[in-house]
C-alpha atoms as a PDB file:
ATOM      1  CA  UNK A   1      94.801  80.065 101.263  1.00  0.00           C
ATOM      2  CA  UNK A   2      94.473  76.603  99.198  1.00  0.00           C
ATOM      3  CA  UNK A   3      92.856  76.617  96.176  1.00  0.00           C
ATOM      4  CA  UNK A   4      91.128  74.374  94.008  1.00  0.00           C
ATOM      5  CA  UNK A   5      89.721  74.885  90.943  1.00  0.00           C
ATOM      6  CA  UNK A   6      89.992  78.750  91.465  1.00  0.00           C
ATOM      7  CA  UNK A   7      88.222  78.552  94.640  1.00  0.00           C
ATOM      8  CA  UNK A   8      88.948  79.046  98.251  1.00  0.00           C
ATOM      9  CA  UNK A   9      88.977  76.336 100.483  1.00  0.00           C
ATOM     10  CA  UNK A  10      90.810  77.531 103.693  1.00  0.00           C
ATOM     11  CA  UNK A  11      91.300  81.121 105.125  1.00  0.00           C
ATOM     12  CA  UNK A  12      92.731  81.728 108.303  1.00  0.00           C
ATOM     13  CA  UNK A  13      91.336  82.221 111.691  1.00  0.00           C
ATOM     14  CA  UNK A  14      92.357  83.737 114.446  1.00  0.00           C
ATOM     15  CA  UNK A  15      93.475  82.793 118.184  1.00  0.00           C
ATOM     16  CA  UNK A  16      94.556  85.664 120.388  1.00  0.00           C
ATOM     17  CA  UNK A  17      96.816  84.574 123.175  1.00  0.00           C
ATOM     18  CA  UNK A  18      98.632  86.600 125.889  1.00  0.00           C
ATOM     19  CA  UNK A  19     101.945  87.718 123.489  1.00  0.00           C
ATOM     20  CA  UNK A  20     100.074  85.735 120.346  1.00  0.00           C
ATOM     21  CA  UNK A  21      97.764  86.345 117.481  1.00  0.00           C
ATOM     22  CA  UNK A  22      97.783  82.581 116.366  1.00  0.00           C
ATOM     23  CA  UNK A  23      96.744  82.095 112.604  1.00  0.00           C
ATOM     24  CA  UNK A  24      95.325  78.697 111.839  1.00  0.00           C
ATOM     25  CA  UNK A  25      93.151  76.877 109.461  1.00  0.00           C
ATOM     26  CA  UNK A  26      90.339  74.569 110.430  1.00  0.00           C
ATOM     27  CA  UNK A  27      88.251  70.999 108.781  1.00  0.00           C
ATOM     28  CA  UNK A  28      84.913  70.539 109.512  1.00  0.00           C
ATOM     29  CA  UNK A  29      84.581  72.826 112.334  1.00  0.00           C
ATOM     30  CA  UNK A  30      81.064  70.578 113.990  1.00  0.00           C
ATOM     31  CA  UNK A  31      83.536  67.304 114.687  1.00  0.00           C
ATOM     32  CA  UNK A  32      82.724  65.742 117.683  1.00  0.00           C
ATOM     33  CA  UNK A  33      86.817  65.205 118.914  1.00  0.00           C
ATOM     34  CA  UNK A  34      89.753  67.339 117.620  1.00  0.00           C
ATOM     35  CA  UNK A  35      93.203  66.937 116.310  1.00  0.00           C
ATOM     36  CA  UNK A  36      95.730  69.558 116.575  1.00  0.00           C
ATOM     37  CA  UNK A  37      98.337  69.400 113.322  1.00  0.00           C
ATOM     38  CA  UNK A  38     101.366  71.509 114.361  1.00  0.00           C
ATOM     39  CA  UNK A  39     103.979  71.380 111.726  1.00  0.00           C
ATOM     40  CA  UNK A  40     107.574  71.898 111.489  1.00  0.00           C
ATOM     41  CA  UNK A  41     110.573  73.595 110.248  1.00  0.00           C
ATOM     42  CA  UNK A  42     110.697  74.995 108.040  1.00  0.00           C
ATOM     43  CA  UNK A  43     107.187  74.514 106.475  1.00  0.00           C
ATOM     44  CA  UNK A  44     103.908  76.071 107.443  1.00  0.00           C
ATOM     45  CA  UNK A  45      99.987  74.619 108.126  1.00  0.00           C
ATOM     46  CA  UNK A  46     100.240  74.037 104.674  1.00  0.00           C
ATOM     47  CA  UNK A  47     101.874  70.861 104.875  1.00  0.00           C
ATOM     48  CA  UNK A  48      98.515  69.357 106.746  1.00  0.00           C
ATOM     49  CA  UNK A  49      96.369  69.946 103.775  1.00  0.00           C
ATOM     50  CA  UNK A  50      96.461  66.449 102.598  1.00  0.00           C
ATOM     51  CA  UNK A  51      96.326  64.585 106.085  1.00  0.00           C
ATOM     52  CA  UNK A  52      93.486  66.316 107.454  1.00  0.00           C
ATOM     53  CA  UNK A  53      90.195  66.222 105.024  1.00  0.00           C
ATOM     54  CA  UNK A  54      91.047  62.401 105.922  1.00  0.00           C
ATOM     55  CA  UNK A  55      90.884  63.004 109.554  1.00  0.00           C
ATOM     56  CA  UNK A  56      87.787  65.112 108.921  1.00  0.00           C
ATOM     57  CA  UNK A  57      86.726  62.589 106.976  1.00  0.00           C
ATOM     58  CA  UNK A  58      86.576  60.681 110.379  1.00  0.00           C
ATOM     59  CA  UNK A  59      84.571  63.140 112.331  1.00  0.00           C
ATOM     60  CA  UNK A  60      87.650  65.085 113.975  1.00  0.00           C
ATOM     61  CA  UNK A  61      87.506  68.982 114.316  1.00  0.00           C
ATOM     62  CA  UNK A  62      90.999  69.227 112.280  1.00  0.00           C
ATOM     63  CA  UNK A  63      92.996  72.883 113.445  1.00  0.00           C
ATOM     64  CA  UNK A  64      96.598  73.423 111.801  1.00  0.00           C
ATOM     65  CA  UNK A  65      98.014  76.442 113.730  1.00  0.00           C
ATOM     66  CA  UNK A  66     101.045  78.826 111.784  1.00  0.00           C
ATOM     67  CA  UNK A  67     103.991  78.341 114.948  1.00  0.00           C
ATOM     68  CA  UNK A  68     105.522  81.458 116.813  1.00  0.00           C
ATOM     69  CA  UNK A  69     107.743  83.261 113.833  1.00  0.00           C
ATOM     70  CA  UNK A  70     106.293  81.998 111.249  1.00  0.00           C
ATOM     71  CA  UNK A  71     103.479  83.519 108.822  1.00  0.00           C
ATOM     72  CA  UNK A  72     100.639  84.942 109.601  1.00  0.00           C
ATOM     73  CA  UNK A  73     100.667  84.242 113.457  1.00  0.00           C
ATOM     74  CA  UNK A  74     101.958  87.903 114.926  1.00  0.00           C
ATOM     75  CA  UNK A  75     102.768  88.485 118.172  1.00  0.00           C
ATOM     76  CA  UNK A  76     100.759  91.076 119.799  1.00  0.00           C
ATOM     77  CA  UNK A  77     103.424  93.010 121.387  1.00  0.00           C
ATOM     78  CA  UNK A  78     106.405  94.525 120.095  1.00  0.00           C
ATOM     79  CA  UNK A  79     108.108  94.532 123.137  1.00  0.00           C
ATOM     80  CA  UNK A  80     107.799  90.876 123.202  1.00  0.00           C
ATOM     81  CA  UNK A  81     111.117  88.462 123.140  1.00  0.00           C
ATOM     82  CA  UNK A  82     111.720  86.708 119.566  1.00  0.00           C
ATOM     83  CA  UNK A  83     112.166  83.747 121.545  1.00  0.00           C
ATOM     84  CA  UNK A  84     112.524  80.382 119.683  1.00  0.00           C
ATOM     85  CA  UNK A  85     112.964  78.213 122.520  1.00  0.00           C
ATOM     86  CA  UNK A  86     110.927  74.850 122.805  1.00  0.00           C
ATOM     87  CA  UNK A  87     109.562  75.163 125.950  1.00  0.00           C
ATOM     88  CA  UNK A  88     107.393  78.288 124.059  1.00  0.00           C
ATOM     89  CA  UNK A  89     106.592  76.739 121.594  1.00  0.00           C
ATOM     90  CA  UNK A  90     105.062  73.839 124.112  1.00  0.00           C
ATOM     91  CA  UNK A  91     103.771  76.591 126.236  1.00  0.00           C
ATOM     92  CA  UNK A  92     101.976  78.109 123.217  1.00  0.00           C
ATOM     93  CA  UNK A  93     100.211  75.072 122.348  1.00  0.00           C
ATOM     94  CA  UNK A  94      98.691  75.021 125.949  1.00  0.00           C
ATOM     95  CA  UNK A  95      97.824  78.807 125.491  1.00  0.00           C
ATOM     96  CA  UNK A  96      96.493  78.180 122.242  1.00  0.00           C
ATOM     97  CA  UNK A  97      94.122  74.829 123.338  1.00  0.00           C
ATOM     98  CA  UNK A  98      92.925  77.052 126.183  1.00  0.00           C
ATOM     99  CA  UNK A  99      91.880  80.352 123.577  1.00  0.00           C
ATOM    100  CA  UNK A 100      89.625  78.048 121.880  1.00  0.00           C
ATOM    101  CA  UNK A 101      88.250  75.944 125.108  1.00  0.00           C
ATOM    102  CA  UNK A 102      89.596  72.586 123.786  1.00  0.00           C
ATOM    103  CA  UNK A 103      89.394  69.157 125.320  1.00  0.00           C
ATOM    104  CA  UNK A 104      92.077  67.424 125.087  1.00  0.00           C
ATOM    105  CA  UNK A 105      92.393  66.964 121.148  1.00  0.00           C
ATOM    106  CA  UNK A 106      94.762  64.578 119.658  1.00  0.00           C
ATOM    107  CA  UNK A 107      97.701  65.944 119.461  1.00  0.00           C
ATOM    108  CA  UNK A 108     100.019  65.188 115.818  1.00  0.00           C
ATOM    109  CA  UNK A 109     103.230  67.680 115.099  1.00  0.00           C
ATOM    110  CA  UNK A 110     106.437  67.093 112.996  1.00  0.00           C
ATOM    111  CA  UNK A 111     109.357  68.197 113.529  1.00  0.00           C
ATOM    112  CA  UNK A 112     109.193  71.819 115.712  1.00  0.00           C
ATOM    113  CA  UNK A 113     105.356  70.790 115.904  1.00  0.00           C
ATOM    114  CA  UNK A 114     106.263  67.184 117.544  1.00  0.00           C
ATOM    115  CA  UNK A 115     108.715  68.947 119.702  1.00  0.00           C
ATOM    116  CA  UNK A 116     105.977  72.018 121.107  1.00  0.00           C
ATOM    117  CA  UNK A 117     103.474  68.840 121.051  1.00  0.00           C
ATOM    118  CA  UNK A 118     105.673  66.427 123.391  1.00  0.00           C
ATOM    119  CA  UNK A 119     106.284  69.831 125.447  1.00  0.00           C
ATOM    120  CA  UNK A 120     102.961  70.618 126.068  1.00  0.00           C
ATOM    121  CA  UNK A 121     102.390  67.162 127.257  1.00  0.00           C
ATOM    122  CA  UNK A 122     105.070  67.758 129.558  1.00  0.00           C
ATOM    123  CA  UNK A 123     104.477  70.764 130.916  1.00  0.00           C
ATOM    124  CA  UNK A 124     100.759  70.162 131.339  1.00  0.00           C
ATOM    125  CA  UNK A 125      99.602  66.060 131.822  1.00  0.00           C
ATOM    126  CA  UNK A 126      96.527  65.491 130.582  1.00  0.00           C
ATOM    127  CA  UNK A 127      96.941  68.614 128.242  1.00  0.00           C
ATOM    128  CA  UNK A 128      96.013  65.440 125.343  1.00  0.00           C
ATOM    129  CA  UNK A 129      94.691  63.358 124.761  1.00  0.00           C
ATOM    130  CA  UNK A 130      96.718  61.251 122.180  1.00  0.00           C
ATOM    131  CA  UNK A 131     100.074  62.078 120.753  1.00  0.00           C
ATOM    132  CA  UNK A 132     101.494  61.665 117.768  1.00  0.00           C
ATOM    133  CA  UNK A 133     105.183  63.028 116.949  1.00  0.00           C
ATOM    134  CA  UNK A 134     106.176  63.144 113.486  1.00  0.00           C
ATOM    135  CA  UNK A 135     109.866  62.201 112.591  1.00  0.00           C
ATOM    136  CA  UNK A 136     112.117  63.184 116.198  1.00  0.00           C
ATOM    137  CA  UNK A 137     112.802  61.513 119.074  1.00  0.00           C
ATOM    138  CA  UNK A 138     111.187  62.205 122.321  1.00  0.00           C
ATOM    139  CA  UNK A 139     114.355  63.351 124.793  1.00  0.00           C
ATOM    140  CA  UNK A 140     116.250  64.773 121.773  1.00  0.00           C
ATOM    141  CA  UNK A 141     116.350  68.164 123.070  1.00  0.00           C
ATOM    142  CA  UNK A 142     118.945  68.470 125.457  1.00  0.00           C
ATOM    143  CA  UNK A 143     122.379  70.118 124.399  1.00  0.00           C
ATOM    144  CA  UNK A 144     124.415  67.248 126.187  1.00  0.00           C
ATOM    145  CA  UNK A 145     123.013  64.674 124.631  1.00  0.00           C
ATOM    146  CA  UNK A 146     125.234  61.798 122.999  1.00  0.00           C
ATOM    147  CA  UNK A 147     125.158  62.982 119.081  1.00  0.00           C
ATOM    148  CA  UNK A 148     126.602  60.150 117.246  1.00  0.00           C
ATOM    149  CA  UNK A 149     128.686  61.193 114.418  1.00  0.00           C
ATOM    150  CA  UNK A 150     126.416  61.150 111.366  1.00  0.00           C
ATOM    151  CA  UNK A 151     123.613  62.751 113.303  1.00  0.00           C
ATOM    152  CA  UNK A 152     125.844  65.625 113.761  1.00  0.00           C
ATOM    153  CA  UNK A 153     126.263  65.825 110.123  1.00  0.00           C
ATOM    154  CA  UNK A 154     123.114  65.601 109.227  1.00  0.00           C
ATOM    155  CA  UNK A 155     122.672  68.422 111.940  1.00  0.00           C
ATOM    156  CA  UNK A 156     125.253  71.034 109.674  1.00  0.00           C
ATOM    157  CA  UNK A 157     122.836  73.497 109.057  1.00  0.00           C
ATOM    158  CA  UNK A 158     122.211  73.835 113.372  1.00  0.00           C
ATOM    159  CA  UNK A 159     126.010  74.597 113.625  1.00  0.00           C
ATOM    160  CA  UNK A 160     126.017  76.535 110.224  1.00  0.00           C
ATOM    161  CA  UNK A 161     123.044  79.689 111.905  1.00  0.00           C
ATOM    162  CA  UNK A 162     125.336  79.615 115.271  1.00  0.00           C
ATOM    163  CA  UNK A 163     127.860  81.553 112.734  1.00  0.00           C
ATOM    164  CA  UNK A 164     126.975  85.283 111.876  1.00  0.00           C
ATOM    165  CA  UNK A 165     127.437  83.851 108.354  1.00  0.00           C
ATOM    166  CA  UNK A 166     124.568  81.360 109.169  1.00  0.00           C
ATOM    167  CA  UNK A 167     122.765  84.500 110.435  1.00  0.00           C
ATOM    168  CA  UNK A 168     123.063  86.219 107.391  1.00  0.00           C
ATOM    169  CA  UNK A 169     122.230  83.826 105.129  1.00  0.00           C
ATOM    170  CA  UNK A 170     119.034  82.932 107.027  1.00  0.00           C
ATOM    171  CA  UNK A 171     117.907  86.445 106.833  1.00  0.00           C
ATOM    172  CA  UNK A 172     118.927  87.140 103.491  1.00  0.00           C
ATOM    173  CA  UNK A 173     118.477  83.895 101.264  1.00  0.00           C
ATOM    174  CA  UNK A 174     115.671  82.433 103.369  1.00  0.00           C
ATOM    175  CA  UNK A 175     113.997  81.290  99.842  1.00  0.00           C
ATOM    176  CA  UNK A 176     117.300  78.839  99.539  1.00  0.00           C
ATOM    177  CA  UNK A 177     118.157  77.982 102.303  1.00  0.00           C
ATOM    178  CA  UNK A 178     115.427  76.327 103.128  1.00  0.00           C
ATOM    179  CA  UNK A 179     114.878  74.703  99.614  1.00  0.00           C
ATOM    180  CA  UNK A 180     118.517  73.040 100.572  1.00  0.00           C
ATOM    181  CA  UNK A 181     116.234  70.810 103.579  1.00  0.00           C
ATOM    182  CA  UNK A 182     113.211  69.874 101.355  1.00  0.00           C
ATOM    183  CA  UNK A 183     116.010  68.779  98.664  1.00  0.00           C
ATOM    184  CA  UNK A 184     118.147  67.022 100.841  1.00  0.00           C
ATOM    185  CA  UNK A 185     116.069  65.759 103.721  1.00  0.00           C
ATOM    186  CA  UNK A 186     114.054  63.355 101.575  1.00  0.00           C
ATOM    187  CA  UNK A 187     114.325  61.038  98.276  1.00  0.00           C
ATOM    188  CA  UNK A 188     115.006  63.172  95.322  1.00  0.00           C
ATOM    189  CA  UNK A 189     112.062  64.479  93.163  1.00  0.00           C
ATOM    190  CA  UNK A 190     109.423  63.846  96.340  1.00  0.00           C
ATOM    191  CA  UNK A 191     107.615  66.915  95.795  1.00  0.00           C
ATOM    192  CA  UNK A 192     105.962  69.532  93.920  1.00  0.00           C
ATOM    193  CA  UNK A 193     107.542  72.717  93.663  1.00  0.00           C
ATOM    194  CA  UNK A 194     104.548  74.814  93.977  1.00  0.00           C
ATOM    195  CA  UNK A 195     103.970  73.462  97.304  1.00  0.00           C
ATOM    196  CA  UNK A 196     107.553  74.513  98.575  1.00  0.00           C
ATOM    197  CA  UNK A 197     106.319  77.870  97.401  1.00  0.00           C
ATOM    198  CA  UNK A 198     103.534  77.780  98.719  1.00  0.00           C
ATOM    199  CA  UNK A 199     105.214  76.601 102.272  1.00  0.00           C
ATOM    200  CA  UNK A 200     108.180  79.867 101.613  1.00  0.00           C
ATOM    201  CA  UNK A 201     105.507  81.988 102.043  1.00  0.00           C
ATOM    202  CA  UNK A 202     104.794  81.063 105.768  1.00  0.00           C
ATOM    203  CA  UNK A 203     109.232  82.089 106.071  1.00  0.00           C
ATOM    204  CA  UNK A 204     108.701  85.147 104.616  1.00  0.00           C
ATOM    205  CA  UNK A 205     107.255  87.033 108.546  1.00  0.00           C
ATOM    206  CA  UNK A 206     109.351  90.194 109.941  1.00  0.00           C
ATOM    207  CA  UNK A 207     109.637  87.857 112.746  1.00  0.00           C
ATOM    208  CA  UNK A 208     110.255  84.503 111.476  1.00  0.00           C
ATOM    209  CA  UNK A 209     114.539  84.655 111.789  1.00  0.00           C
ATOM    210  CA  UNK A 210     114.860  86.178 115.235  1.00  0.00           C
ATOM    211  CA  UNK A 211     113.300  82.536 116.026  1.00  0.00           C
ATOM    212  CA  UNK A 212     114.611  80.493 114.111  1.00  0.00           C
ATOM    213  CA  UNK A 213     117.625  81.775 114.765  1.00  0.00           C
ATOM    214  CA  UNK A 214     117.261  81.766 118.766  1.00  0.00           C
ATOM    215  CA  UNK A 215     115.518  78.480 118.398  1.00  0.00           C
ATOM    216  CA  UNK A 216     118.521  76.615 117.405  1.00  0.00           C
ATOM    217  CA  UNK A 217     121.026  78.528 119.477  1.00  0.00           C
ATOM    218  CA  UNK A 218     119.148  78.163 122.706  1.00  0.00           C
ATOM    219  CA  UNK A 219     118.634  74.447 121.746  1.00  0.00           C
ATOM    220  CA  UNK A 220     122.719  74.224 121.894  1.00  0.00           C
ATOM    221  CA  UNK A 221     123.220  76.400 124.672  1.00  0.00           C
ATOM    222  CA  UNK A 222     124.651  79.205 122.383  1.00  0.00           C
ATOM    223  CA  UNK A 223     121.809  81.588 123.922  1.00  0.00           C
ATOM    224  CA  UNK A 224     119.794  82.511 126.758  1.00  0.00           C
ATOM    225  CA  UNK A 225     116.462  81.767 126.800  1.00  0.00           C
ATOM    226  CA  UNK A 226     113.355  84.060 127.279  1.00  0.00           C
ATOM    227  CA  UNK A 227     113.292  84.002 131.606  1.00  0.00           C
ATOM    228  CA  UNK A 228     109.862  84.329 130.758  1.00  0.00           C
ATOM    229  CA  UNK A 229     109.883  80.509 130.441  1.00  0.00           C
ATOM    230  CA  UNK A 230     112.082  79.936 133.239  1.00  0.00           C
ATOM    231  CA  UNK A 231     110.006  77.492 135.212  1.00  0.00           C
ATOM    232  CA  UNK A 232     109.187  76.333 131.708  1.00  0.00           C
ATOM    233  CA  UNK A 233     112.523  74.791 130.961  1.00  0.00           C
ATOM    234  CA  UNK A 234     113.636  73.864 134.798  1.00  0.00           C
ATOM    235  CA  UNK A 235     110.681  71.284 134.369  1.00  0.00           C
ATOM    236  CA  UNK A 236     111.592  70.122 130.465  1.00  0.00           C
ATOM    237  CA  UNK A 237     115.083  69.294 131.684  1.00  0.00           C
ATOM    238  CA  UNK A 238     115.625  66.395 131.977  1.00  0.00           C
ATOM    239  CA  UNK A 239     112.856  65.564 129.587  1.00  0.00           C
ATOM    240  CA  UNK A 240     109.849  63.994 131.684  1.00  0.00           C
ATOM    241  CA  UNK A 241     108.248  60.995 131.800  1.00  0.00           C
ATOM    242  CA  UNK A 242     104.675  61.545 129.552  1.00  0.00           C
ATOM    243  CA  UNK A 243     101.230  59.881 130.680  1.00  0.00           C
ATOM    244  CA  UNK A 244      99.228  60.660 127.292  1.00  0.00           C
ATOM    245  CA  UNK A 245      99.518  57.566 125.145  1.00  0.00           C
ATOM    246  CA  UNK A 246     102.381  58.250 122.092  1.00  0.00           C
ATOM    247  CA  UNK A 247     102.774  56.753 118.578  1.00  0.00           C
ATOM    248  CA  UNK A 248     105.748  58.290 116.610  1.00  0.00           C
ATOM    249  CA  UNK A 249     106.047  57.753 113.198  1.00  0.00           C
ATOM    250  CA  UNK A 250     109.095  58.178 110.988  1.00  0.00           C
ATOM    251  CA  UNK A 251     110.656  58.334 107.523  1.00  0.00           C
ATOM    252  CA  UNK A 252     113.003  55.658 107.109  1.00  0.00           C
ATOM    253  CA  UNK A 253     114.899  57.068 104.656  1.00  0.00           C
ATOM    254  CA  UNK A 254     114.667  60.493 106.948  1.00  0.00           C
ATOM    255  CA  UNK A 255     118.254  62.311 105.942  1.00  0.00           C
ATOM    256  CA  UNK A 256     117.493  65.049 108.806  1.00  0.00           C
ATOM    257  CA  UNK A 257     116.722  62.850 112.023  1.00  0.00           C
ATOM    258  CA  UNK A 258     117.751  59.657 110.878  1.00  0.00           C
ATOM    259  CA  UNK A 259     115.444  56.999 112.236  1.00  0.00           C
ATOM    260  CA  UNK A 260     117.581  55.177 114.538  1.00  0.00           C
ATOM    261  CA  UNK A 261     116.731  58.681 116.305  1.00  0.00           C
ATOM    262  CA  UNK A 262     113.524  57.698 117.301  1.00  0.00           C
ATOM    263  CA  UNK A 263     114.844  54.096 118.533  1.00  0.00           C
ATOM    264  CA  UNK A 264     114.136  52.988 122.142  1.00  0.00           C
ATOM    265  CA  UNK A 265     112.532  56.001 123.784  1.00  0.00           C
ATOM    266  CA  UNK A 266     110.003  53.162 125.585  1.00  0.00           C
ATOM    267  CA  UNK A 267     110.937  54.768 128.990  1.00  0.00           C
ATOM    268  CA  UNK A 268     110.084  57.550 128.578  1.00  0.00           C
ATOM    269  CA  UNK A 269     106.037  57.188 128.509  1.00  0.00           C
ATOM    270  CA  UNK A 270     103.849  55.861 130.765  1.00  0.00           C
ATOM    271  CA  UNK A 271     100.557  55.953 129.225  1.00  0.00           C
ATOM    272  CA  UNK A 272     101.340  53.238 126.091  1.00  0.00           C
ATOM    273  CA  UNK A 273     103.898  54.079 123.237  1.00  0.00           C
ATOM    274  CA  UNK A 274     104.493  52.498 119.566  1.00  0.00           C
ATOM    275  CA  UNK A 275     106.707  53.748 117.422  1.00  0.00           C
ATOM    276  CA  UNK A 276     105.953  52.506 113.074  1.00  0.00           C
ATOM    277  CA  UNK A 277     108.860  53.237 110.333  1.00  0.00           C
ATOM    278  CA  UNK A 278     107.580  53.987 106.845  1.00  0.00           C
ATOM    279  CA  UNK A 279     110.140  52.469 104.722  1.00  0.00           C
ATOM    280  CA  UNK A 280     111.030  55.051 101.637  1.00  0.00           C
ATOM    281  CA  UNK A 281     109.941  57.898 103.525  1.00  0.00           C
ATOM    282  CA  UNK A 282     111.659  61.157 103.674  1.00  0.00           C
ATOM    283  CA  UNK A 283     111.382  63.488 106.678  1.00  0.00           C
ATOM    284  CA  UNK A 284     108.217  64.955 105.591  1.00  0.00           C
ATOM    285  CA  UNK A 285     105.720  62.216 106.314  1.00  0.00           C
ATOM    286  CA  UNK A 286     102.957  64.021 106.101  1.00  0.00           C
ATOM    287  CA  UNK A 287     103.882  65.367 102.698  1.00  0.00           C
ATOM    288  CA  UNK A 288     105.006  62.336 101.601  1.00  0.00           C
ATOM    289  CA  UNK A 289     102.619  59.631 102.644  1.00  0.00           C
ATOM    290  CA  UNK A 290     100.094  61.562 103.761  1.00  0.00           C
ATOM    291  CA  UNK A 291      97.350  58.421 104.054  1.00  0.00           C
ATOM    292  CA  UNK A 292     100.162  56.230 105.537  1.00  0.00           C
ATOM    293  CA  UNK A 293     100.170  59.193 107.936  1.00  0.00           C
ATOM    294  CA  UNK A 294      96.409  59.741 108.691  1.00  0.00           C
ATOM    295  CA  UNK A 295      95.296  55.902 108.668  1.00  0.00           C
ATOM    296  CA  UNK A 296      98.023  55.553 111.662  1.00  0.00           C
ATOM    297  CA  UNK A 297      96.596  57.847 113.619  1.00  0.00           C
ATOM    298  CA  UNK A 298      93.173  57.233 113.067  1.00  0.00           C
ATOM    299  CA  UNK A 299      94.188  53.209 114.278  1.00  0.00           C
ATOM    300  CA  UNK A 300      96.073  54.660 117.249  1.00  0.00           C
ATOM    301  CA  UNK A 301      93.221  56.750 118.040  1.00  0.00           C
ATOM    302  CA  UNK A 302      90.473  54.018 118.155  1.00  0.00           C
ATOM    303  CA  UNK A 303      93.231  51.221 119.511  1.00  0.00           C
ATOM    304  CA  UNK A 304      95.530  52.710 120.963  1.00  0.00           C
ATOM    305  CA  UNK A 305      99.532  51.617 121.444  1.00  0.00           C
ATOM    306  CA  UNK A 306     100.090  48.118 119.813  1.00  0.00           C
END
């Protein structure tokens, strides 16, 4: 819940799929078009609270779900494997669209959410009318991808979570661990501590550590995937060429995914591609520069890729 002047502004609603009860926030339910906003790691749907109203004012119905593992989204069956593999996140996006009976929306994703949105488009061409990816380069999910040493250094937390020590820290010190990412992935002093505290409530779900550990371990080949997603995995590796018009927004001061990691990806896009670097912005553009992000999305949706 967000509060303004002590009064509730948004409560979570739920949409049920075969595997999940997906919690989501909504703005402007009567909007004539739909924008579907997917948060990243470590974050929550609250990351969109300054972007979503601007899209709603432009006539969009805006939906912002909590990804699997992030409270208050929950698994429906205790026996379902707690998979964080990126194909599962992409399938969740498609299941959510189906559960709400949405026409192809504009999919906007940050970090994990960007990978999930792109994977949804790879699994089901035509699922989205537009794709906007923040802080991620497409085609960077392959464990055998070339990786520059500075980017390998940036990914220290990936390797750390592949160790027993890292797993313990994630489970037992999740707030301190995730705060470290916020403190080091963008210019100093970029966030209000209350915003981190709000986001960190999403990390308190019982499934969050299992989903996070499996996601990063599976991404680099350290963990097996859920067999339920074997067909989806095969369709996403190697990364398919996408037909959806796509915009990439990347912070020029991103010290998690270096902005160069999203350069030179044009060959992956048949429906048009544009990329914009936001100077002085770190890994969280929707929080650091929400108006610039919203305006870029709206320009893109009107005119398409440059």
